[in-house]
Amino acid sequence: MKSISFQLFWAFFTAFSVVGAFVSAAPKVSPPEQYFPVYDYANDWLVYNPQYKNYVPFSQGVNEGTRFVSLYIDLIKNRNYVLLVKAESNGYLFLEGSLQNKITANQWQELNIDSLYKIYKKDELLLTVYGGPGIGDKAVLLCNKKKLTDPAVIEQTGRNFINIKPITFTPFGNLAAITLIIVLMLNAWIFNLNPLSFIRLINPIEFFNNDPRDQLSKMNKPHSNTVIFFVIISSMLMSFIVIYFSSNKLNLFSVSTILSEKSNTLQIVSDFFVLATIFFVLTYVKYILMVMAGNMLNLDKQIDNIFIKIIQSSYLFYAGLFLVVFMLSFNHVNWITDFRSYVLLPFLFFYSIRFVALYVVTKPPGSLINLYLFSYLCVIEIIPLIVGMKFAL
């Protein structure tokens, strides 16, 4: 029995010695000669967990197949140090979700902590490495240089950053794309429904056509399918412009009281359709009031023509404004902050020019009727404009 115990002891001792020798002989990650190693991030790797929507520690049994691994680097505590990144296979380095550099296999990349702090202005930085599966082929070391660094290193490091931002999808960006698709579909539908009327309605020259024998109102009535679709498109464009202003903290007509928090695409799209419905109803309420005022001034023959020109001009103006806003929003141009005080000037200019143009192109013979027409246009154009400008902001 004693001999068996003695043999077991020596067998355990021999196995332990072999394992210890293997562990001690395992290659350690060493930085280049000009650096002193300060800290090894080998045990700090994180992976993104979609279930918790956050970063969790890397687990050998669960995350061995992942190619994206991340680290949080404390920029305040590690000032004056250098971060070295290395991978055994080709990969990519990301900082705060932005692609920075390509990682060449078995080559150290140097990142100056002071430079990173000056560029990102953050206490903590998210570093992500994309490469081979797992973390066995990746190494990140915090080091200190053995000699003084050149003062130009910080500036040079900043210039070397590619800083390619990934594509981000925002609720308003999704709304812009959805609005563009819907408007294009409706325009195609109108064109197939009545090509001649569609071409004439989108032609700005037709707005100034005052020939009584060739008026658009003779072919299209306010309740015809073509005009209704044009009103729907104009209402959608107006709704989009209002939501754009609201998303940029410019609350026109206090619309925020009827809008949701716009935290997701579904909510902002529902707000879009609610506002479009309101604008559509208000447009035809205006037409009813135009008919009532026109009958009192004996201008009933001019009402349909004026309404069609109003819809035509509104469509052209808001379509052009939509395209401008669409391009600015997708290029992330924030111009409202600097031009907040002048944001209503394009609308004031448009409605003022339209008032004069409507009077010129619809002016019938006879001075008395001209006076009636001027008064009529003041009621349907100038008074709503004055009231709107007063309560817009």
Protein backbone atom coordinates (compact mmCIF):
# COMPACT_ATOMS: atom_id res chain seq x y z
CA MET A 1 0.00 0.00 0.00
CA LYS A 2 2.87 2.30 0.85
CA SER A 3 4.55 1.65 -2.49
CA ILE A 4 1.33 2.44 -4.35
CA SER A 5 0.94 5.77 -2.52
CA PHE A 6 4.56 6.57 -3.22
CA GLN A 7 4.08 5.83 -6.93
CA LEU A 8 0.91 7.99 -7.07
CA PHE A 9 2.76 10.85 -5.39
CA TRP A 10 5.58 10.75 -7.94
CA ALA A 11 3.11 10.45 -10.83
CA PHE A 12 1.21 13.56 -9.61
CA PHE A 13 4.46 15.44 -8.99
CA THR A 14 5.74 14.58 -12.48
CA ALA A 15 2.48 15.65 -14.17
CA PHE A 16 2.37 18.91 -12.20
CA SER A 17 5.97 19.65 -13.12
CA VAL A 18 5.32 19.01 -16.81
CA VAL A 19 2.25 21.27 -16.82
CA GLY A 20 4.12 23.96 -14.92
CA ALA A 21 7.00 23.78 -17.33
CA PHE A 22 4.59 24.03 -20.26
CA VAL A 23 2.86 27.04 -18.75
CA SER A 24 6.11 28.78 -17.95
CA ALA A 25 7.39 27.98 -21.40
CA ALA A 26 4.26 29.38 -23.10
CA PRO A 27 5.15 32.45 -25.10
CA LYS A 28 4.14 35.72 -23.53
CA VAL A 29 3.10 38.77 -25.55
CA SER A 30 6.01 41.17 -25.49
CA PRO A 31 6.02 44.69 -26.92
CA PRO A 32 8.79 46.00 -29.17
CA GLU A 33 12.12 46.78 -27.50
CA GLN A 34 11.52 50.52 -27.26
CA TYR A 35 8.51 50.02 -24.93
CA PHE A 36 8.04 49.07 -21.29
CA PRO A 37 4.86 46.98 -20.77
CA VAL A 38 2.55 48.56 -18.20
CA TYR A 39 -0.67 46.56 -18.51
CA ASP A 40 -1.96 43.66 -20.63
CA TYR A 41 -5.66 43.78 -21.57
CA ALA A 42 -5.78 40.01 -22.21
CA ASN A 43 -8.42 39.49 -19.49
CA ASP A 44 -10.50 42.59 -20.26
CA TRP A 45 -12.01 41.62 -23.62
CA LEU A 46 -15.72 42.31 -24.11
CA VAL A 47 -18.33 41.21 -26.66
CA TYR A 48 -21.63 42.88 -27.54
CA ASN A 49 -24.70 40.98 -26.33
CA PRO A 50 -27.85 41.76 -28.41
CA GLN A 51 -30.08 40.40 -25.64
CA TYR A 52 -28.81 42.85 -23.01
CA LYS A 53 -27.93 45.54 -25.59
CA ASN A 54 -24.62 46.07 -23.87
CA TYR A 55 -21.06 44.77 -23.72
CA VAL A 56 -20.38 41.69 -21.54
CA PRO A 57 -17.09 39.91 -20.66
CA PHE A 58 -15.73 37.52 -23.26
CA SER A 59 -16.42 33.86 -22.41
CA GLN A 60 -14.21 31.13 -23.83
CA GLY A 61 -16.98 28.59 -24.04
CA VAL A 62 -19.57 30.91 -25.54
CA ASN A 63 -17.83 33.57 -27.63
CA GLU A 64 -14.98 31.64 -29.23
CA GLY A 65 -16.40 32.14 -32.73
CA THR A 66 -16.92 35.89 -32.55
CA ARG A 67 -14.71 38.09 -34.73
CA PHE A 68 -15.55 41.41 -33.01
CA VAL A 69 -14.04 41.91 -29.55
CA SER A 70 -13.86 45.18 -27.67
CA LEU A 71 -12.13 46.96 -24.79
CA TYR A 72 -12.84 50.06 -22.73
CA ILE A 73 -9.69 52.18 -22.46
CA ASP A 74 -9.47 54.70 -19.61
CA LEU A 75 -7.96 57.80 -21.23
CA ILE A 76 -7.69 59.80 -18.01
CA LYS A 77 -5.75 57.28 -15.92
CA ASN A 78 -3.49 56.29 -18.80
CA ARG A 79 -2.33 59.69 -19.97
CA ASN A 80 1.25 59.80 -21.33
CA TYR A 81 1.10 56.11 -22.22
CA VAL A 82 0.95 54.36 -25.58
CA LEU A 83 -1.53 51.71 -26.64
CA LEU A 84 -0.15 48.88 -28.80
CA VAL A 85 -2.52 46.68 -30.84
CA LYS A 86 -1.55 43.48 -32.63
CA ALA A 87 -3.29 40.54 -34.34
CA GLU A 88 -1.95 37.38 -35.90
CA SER A 89 -4.28 37.72 -38.89
CA ASN A 90 -5.34 40.71 -40.95
CA GLY A 91 -8.16 42.71 -39.38
CA TYR A 92 -9.54 46.16 -38.70
CA LEU A 93 -9.36 48.58 -35.80
CA PHE A 94 -12.44 50.57 -34.71
CA LEU A 95 -12.62 53.41 -32.18
CA GLU A 96 -16.08 54.44 -30.93
CA GLY A 97 -17.66 52.50 -33.80
CA SER A 98 -15.60 54.29 -36.45
CA LEU A 99 -13.16 52.46 -38.71
CA GLN A 100 -9.66 53.78 -38.04
CA ASN A 101 -7.00 51.56 -39.59
CA LYS A 102 -6.38 48.19 -41.14
CA ILE A 103 -4.45 45.79 -38.89
CA THR A 104 -1.65 44.02 -40.72
CA ALA A 105 -0.91 40.54 -39.42
CA ASN A 106 1.80 40.35 -36.72
CA GLN A 107 2.52 44.08 -36.83
CA TRP A 108 2.11 46.35 -33.82
CA GLN A 109 0.02 49.51 -34.20
CA GLU A 110 0.73 52.43 -31.92
CA LEU A 111 -2.01 54.68 -30.53
CA ASN A 112 -1.01 57.64 -28.38
CA ILE A 113 -3.36 58.01 -25.40
CA ASP A 114 -2.89 61.80 -25.21
CA SER A 115 -3.76 62.08 -28.90
CA LEU A 116 -6.88 59.95 -28.46
CA TYR A 117 -8.01 62.11 -25.56
CA LYS A 118 -7.53 65.34 -27.53
CA ILE A 119 -9.40 63.94 -30.53
CA TYR A 120 -12.37 62.27 -28.81
CA LYS A 121 -12.70 64.49 -25.69
CA LYS A 122 -13.90 61.50 -23.64
CA ASP A 123 -12.78 59.90 -20.39
CA GLU A 124 -13.28 56.37 -21.71
CA LEU A 125 -12.86 55.04 -25.23
CA LEU A 126 -14.35 51.93 -26.84
CA LEU A 127 -11.74 50.04 -28.86
CA THR A 128 -12.91 47.21 -31.14
CA VAL A 129 -10.78 44.75 -33.09
CA TYR A 130 -12.13 42.72 -36.00
CA GLY A 131 -10.08 39.75 -37.10
CA GLY A 132 -9.87 36.04 -36.55
CA PRO A 133 -12.32 34.23 -34.26
CA GLY A 134 -11.76 34.50 -30.53
CA ILE A 135 -9.12 36.48 -28.64
CA GLY A 136 -6.14 34.13 -28.87
CA ASP A 137 -4.65 35.94 -31.85
CA LYS A 138 -5.24 39.47 -30.53
CA ALA A 139 -3.19 41.51 -28.09
CA VAL A 140 -3.57 45.02 -26.68
CA LEU A 141 -0.86 46.37 -24.38
CA LEU A 142 -0.53 49.60 -22.45
CA CYS A 143 3.12 50.65 -22.66
CA ASN A 144 5.53 53.43 -21.91
CA LYS A 145 8.24 54.49 -24.32
CA LYS A 146 11.85 54.18 -23.24
CA LYS A 147 12.70 57.50 -24.84
CA LEU A 148 10.92 60.84 -25.14
CA THR A 149 8.40 61.11 -27.92
CA ASP A 150 8.50 63.70 -30.66
CA PRO A 151 6.00 66.57 -29.99
CA ALA A 152 4.65 66.08 -33.50
CA VAL A 153 3.46 62.53 -32.70
CA ILE A 154 0.08 63.73 -31.45
CA GLU A 155 -0.59 65.77 -34.56
CA GLN A 156 0.69 63.00 -36.85
CA THR A 157 -1.51 60.39 -35.13
CA GLY A 158 -4.54 62.61 -35.56
CA ARG A 159 -3.84 62.99 -39.28
CA ASN A 160 -3.47 59.23 -39.74
CA PHE A 161 -7.00 58.47 -38.57
CA ILE A 162 -9.28 57.50 -41.43
CA ASN A 163 -12.39 58.24 -39.33
CA ILE A 164 -14.88 56.51 -41.61
CA LYS A 165 -18.23 56.67 -39.87
CA PRO A 166 -20.60 53.72 -40.29
CA ILE A 167 -23.97 54.37 -41.88
CA THR A 168 -26.53 55.31 -39.24
CA PHE A 169 -30.26 55.02 -39.66
CA THR A 170 -32.36 57.56 -37.77
CA PRO A 171 -36.17 57.66 -37.51
CA PHE A 172 -36.27 60.93 -39.47
CA GLY A 173 -33.97 59.49 -42.13
CA ASN A 174 -36.31 56.52 -42.49
CA LEU A 175 -39.26 58.92 -42.75
CA ALA A 176 -37.48 60.86 -45.51
CA ALA A 177 -36.94 57.68 -47.50
CA ILE A 178 -40.54 56.52 -46.97
CA THR A 179 -41.91 59.94 -47.97
CA LEU A 180 -39.81 59.99 -51.13
CA ILE A 181 -41.04 56.52 -52.14
CA ILE A 182 -44.71 57.36 -51.47
CA VAL A 183 -44.52 60.68 -53.34
CA LEU A 184 -42.86 59.05 -56.34
CA MET A 185 -45.47 56.29 -56.38
CA LEU A 186 -48.34 58.78 -56.25
CA ASN A 187 -46.81 60.86 -59.03
CA ALA A 188 -46.45 57.75 -61.18
CA TRP A 189 -50.07 56.86 -60.43
CA ILE A 190 -51.32 60.32 -61.45
CA PHE A 191 -49.25 60.23 -64.62
CA ASN A 192 -50.76 56.89 -65.62
CA LEU A 193 -54.22 58.13 -64.67
CA ASN A 194 -54.13 61.36 -66.67
CA PRO A 195 -50.78 62.09 -68.39
CA LEU A 196 -51.85 65.35 -70.05
CA SER A 197 -53.17 66.94 -66.86
CA PHE A 198 -50.17 65.75 -64.85
CA ILE A 199 -47.67 67.28 -67.28
CA ARG A 200 -49.54 70.58 -67.33
CA LEU A 201 -49.89 70.72 -63.54
CA ILE A 202 -46.17 70.22 -62.89
CA ASN A 203 -45.24 72.76 -65.56
CA PRO A 204 -44.56 76.16 -63.88
CA ILE A 205 -45.36 77.98 -67.14
CA GLU A 206 -48.95 76.72 -66.96
CA PHE A 207 -49.43 78.70 -63.75
CA PHE A 208 -49.18 81.93 -65.75
CA ASN A 209 -51.55 80.74 -68.50
CA ASN A 210 -54.56 83.08 -68.28
CA ASP A 211 -56.23 82.08 -71.54
CA PRO A 212 -59.93 81.56 -70.60
CA ARG A 213 -60.30 79.01 -73.42
CA ASP A 214 -57.43 76.82 -72.20
CA GLN A 215 -57.61 76.85 -68.43
CA LEU A 216 -56.68 73.82 -66.35
CA SER A 217 -59.91 74.20 -64.40
CA LYS A 218 -61.89 73.28 -67.52
CA MET A 219 -60.27 69.82 -67.55
CA ASN A 220 -59.76 69.34 -63.78
CA LYS A 221 -62.25 70.18 -61.08
CA PRO A 222 -61.24 70.48 -57.40
CA HIS A 223 -62.99 67.18 -56.71
CA SER A 224 -61.42 65.30 -59.65
CA ASN A 225 -59.02 62.41 -59.01
CA THR A 226 -55.99 64.25 -60.37
CA VAL A 227 -56.48 67.32 -58.19
CA ILE A 228 -57.25 65.22 -55.11
CA PHE A 229 -54.00 63.31 -55.56
CA PHE A 230 -52.10 66.57 -56.00
CA VAL A 231 -53.62 67.82 -52.74
CA ILE A 232 -52.60 64.58 -51.01
CA ILE A 233 -49.01 64.93 -52.23
CA SER A 234 -48.84 68.59 -51.22
CA SER A 235 -50.21 67.70 -47.77
CA MET A 236 -47.56 65.01 -47.34
CA LEU A 237 -44.80 67.39 -48.36
CA MET A 238 -46.04 70.03 -45.93
CA SER A 239 -46.25 67.39 -43.18
CA PHE A 240 -42.68 66.32 -43.86
CA ILE A 241 -41.40 69.93 -43.67
CA VAL A 242 -43.19 70.52 -40.34
CA ILE A 243 -41.77 67.31 -38.84
CA TYR A 244 -38.30 68.29 -40.08
CA PHE A 245 -38.56 71.59 -38.23
CA SER A 246 -39.95 69.84 -35.14
CA SER A 247 -37.08 67.32 -35.13
CA ASN A 248 -34.67 70.28 -35.17
CA LYS A 249 -36.35 71.89 -32.13
CA LEU A 250 -38.34 74.42 -34.18
CA ASN A 251 -41.94 73.99 -33.05
CA LEU A 252 -44.14 75.60 -35.75
CA PHE A 253 -47.76 76.20 -34.73
CA SER A 254 -47.12 74.20 -31.53
CA VAL A 255 -47.44 70.94 -33.45
CA SER A 256 -45.42 69.17 -30.74
CA THR A 257 -48.62 69.01 -28.69
CA ILE A 258 -50.09 66.51 -31.15
CA LEU A 259 -46.85 64.70 -32.01
CA SER A 260 -45.33 61.75 -30.18
CA GLU A 261 -41.82 61.64 -28.79
CA LYS A 262 -40.58 60.31 -32.18
CA SER A 263 -38.43 57.67 -30.46
CA ASN A 264 -38.81 55.21 -33.33
CA THR A 265 -39.71 55.09 -37.01
CA LEU A 266 -43.26 53.83 -36.46
CA GLN A 267 -44.18 56.79 -34.25
CA ILE A 268 -42.70 59.43 -36.54
CA VAL A 269 -44.41 57.86 -39.59
CA SER A 270 -47.75 57.86 -37.75
CA ASP A 271 -47.21 61.56 -36.91
CA PHE A 272 -46.46 62.17 -40.57
CA PHE A 273 -49.78 60.68 -41.72
CA VAL A 274 -51.72 62.49 -38.98
CA LEU A 275 -50.31 65.87 -40.07
CA ALA A 276 -50.83 65.03 -43.76
CA THR A 277 -54.49 64.27 -43.03
CA ILE A 278 -54.88 67.57 -41.17
CA PHE A 279 -53.33 69.53 -44.05
CA PHE A 280 -55.55 67.71 -46.57
CA VAL A 281 -58.70 68.55 -44.61
CA LEU A 282 -57.63 72.17 -44.13
CA THR A 283 -57.02 72.52 -47.88
CA TYR A 284 -60.57 71.53 -48.73
CA VAL A 285 -61.95 73.58 -45.84
CA LYS A 286 -60.19 76.51 -47.49
CA TYR A 287 -61.85 75.60 -50.80
CA ILE A 288 -65.28 75.63 -49.14
CA LEU A 289 -64.58 79.07 -47.67
CA MET A 290 -63.33 80.22 -51.08
CA VAL A 291 -66.64 79.15 -52.63
CA MET A 292 -68.64 80.99 -49.97
CA ALA A 293 -66.61 84.20 -50.30
CA GLY A 294 -66.60 83.96 -54.10
CA ASN A 295 -70.38 83.65 -54.32
CA MET A 296 -70.81 86.75 -52.19
CA LEU A 297 -68.46 88.72 -54.52
CA ASN A 298 -69.91 87.26 -57.72
CA LEU A 299 -66.63 85.52 -58.58
CA ASP A 300 -67.97 81.99 -58.71
CA LYS A 301 -66.54 81.44 -62.22
CA GLN A 302 -63.01 82.19 -61.02
CA ILE A 303 -62.98 79.99 -57.92
CA ASP A 304 -62.02 76.67 -59.51
CA ASN A 305 -59.29 78.31 -61.58
CA ILE A 306 -57.81 80.06 -58.52
CA PHE A 307 -57.96 76.87 -56.43
CA ILE A 308 -56.20 74.82 -59.11
CA LYS A 309 -53.42 77.42 -59.36
CA ILE A 310 -53.06 77.46 -55.58
CA ILE A 311 -52.65 73.68 -55.52
CA GLN A 312 -50.28 73.77 -58.48
CA SER A 313 -48.02 76.43 -56.93
CA SER A 314 -48.07 74.73 -53.50
CA TYR A 315 -47.07 71.43 -55.08
CA LEU A 316 -44.11 72.98 -56.92
CA PHE A 317 -42.91 75.00 -53.93
CA TYR A 318 -43.10 72.21 -51.35
CA ALA A 319 -41.65 69.64 -53.77
CA GLY A 320 -38.61 71.86 -54.26
CA LEU A 321 -38.35 72.51 -50.52
CA PHE A 322 -38.65 68.77 -49.84
CA LEU A 323 -35.74 68.00 -52.15
CA VAL A 324 -33.57 70.63 -50.45
CA VAL A 325 -34.41 69.33 -46.96
CA PHE A 326 -33.94 65.74 -48.12
CA MET A 327 -30.41 66.44 -49.35
CA LEU A 328 -29.47 68.51 -46.29
CA SER A 329 -30.75 65.91 -43.82
CA PHE A 330 -28.91 63.03 -45.50
CA ASN A 331 -25.69 65.05 -45.61
CA HIS A 332 -26.15 65.98 -41.92
CA VAL A 333 -26.07 69.71 -42.60
CA ASN A 334 -27.44 71.50 -39.53
CA TRP A 335 -28.36 74.93 -40.87
CA ILE A 336 -31.42 75.67 -38.73
CA THR A 337 -29.33 76.65 -35.70
CA ASP A 338 -27.72 79.53 -37.58
CA PHE A 339 -30.79 80.55 -39.62
CA ARG A 340 -33.54 80.01 -37.05
CA SER A 341 -34.60 83.67 -37.19
CA TYR A 342 -34.94 83.57 -40.99
CA VAL A 343 -36.62 80.19 -41.46
CA LEU A 344 -40.02 81.73 -42.30
CA LEU A 345 -38.68 84.09 -44.95
CA PRO A 346 -38.94 81.59 -47.85
CA PHE A 347 -42.61 80.99 -46.96
CA LEU A 348 -43.32 84.72 -46.68
CA PHE A 349 -41.65 85.33 -50.02
CA PHE A 350 -43.51 82.48 -51.74
CA TYR A 351 -46.99 83.41 -50.51
CA SER A 352 -46.47 87.10 -51.24
CA ILE A 353 -45.33 86.36 -54.81
CA ARG A 354 -48.24 83.94 -55.25
CA PHE A 355 -50.74 86.61 -54.16
CA VAL A 356 -49.47 89.04 -56.82
CA ALA A 357 -49.27 86.31 -59.48
CA LEU A 358 -52.82 85.09 -58.78
CA TYR A 359 -54.17 88.60 -59.16
CA VAL A 360 -52.33 89.12 -62.45
CA VAL A 361 -53.22 85.79 -64.11
CA THR A 362 -56.86 85.69 -62.97
CA LYS A 363 -57.73 89.39 -63.41
CA PRO A 364 -60.99 89.67 -65.40
CA PRO A 365 -62.01 92.81 -67.35
CA GLY A 366 -63.80 95.54 -65.42
CA SER A 367 -62.48 97.75 -62.63
CA LEU A 368 -65.25 96.85 -60.18
CA ILE A 369 -64.64 93.13 -60.57
CA ASN A 370 -60.91 93.76 -60.20
CA LEU A 371 -61.58 95.36 -56.83
CA TYR A 372 -63.69 92.36 -55.83
CA LEU A 373 -60.93 90.01 -56.95
CA PHE A 374 -58.30 91.92 -54.98
CA SER A 375 -60.48 91.83 -51.87
CA TYR A 376 -61.17 88.14 -52.44
CA LEU A 377 -57.48 87.27 -52.73
CA CYS A 378 -56.73 89.29 -49.60
CA VAL A 379 -59.30 87.21 -47.71
CA ILE A 380 -58.03 83.82 -48.94
CA GLU A 381 -54.29 84.59 -49.12
CA ILE A 382 -53.07 87.68 -47.24
CA ILE A 383 -55.16 87.36 -44.06
CA PRO A 384 -54.24 83.65 -43.52
CA LEU A 385 -50.61 84.56 -44.22
CA ILE A 386 -50.58 87.33 -41.60
CA VAL A 387 -52.30 85.14 -39.01
CA GLY A 388 -49.99 82.22 -39.81
CA MET A 389 -46.82 84.29 -39.46
CA LYS A 390 -48.05 85.65 -36.15
CA PHE A 391 -48.67 82.22 -34.59
CA ALA A 392 -46.06 80.13 -36.46
CA LEU A 393 -43.26 80.55 -33.91
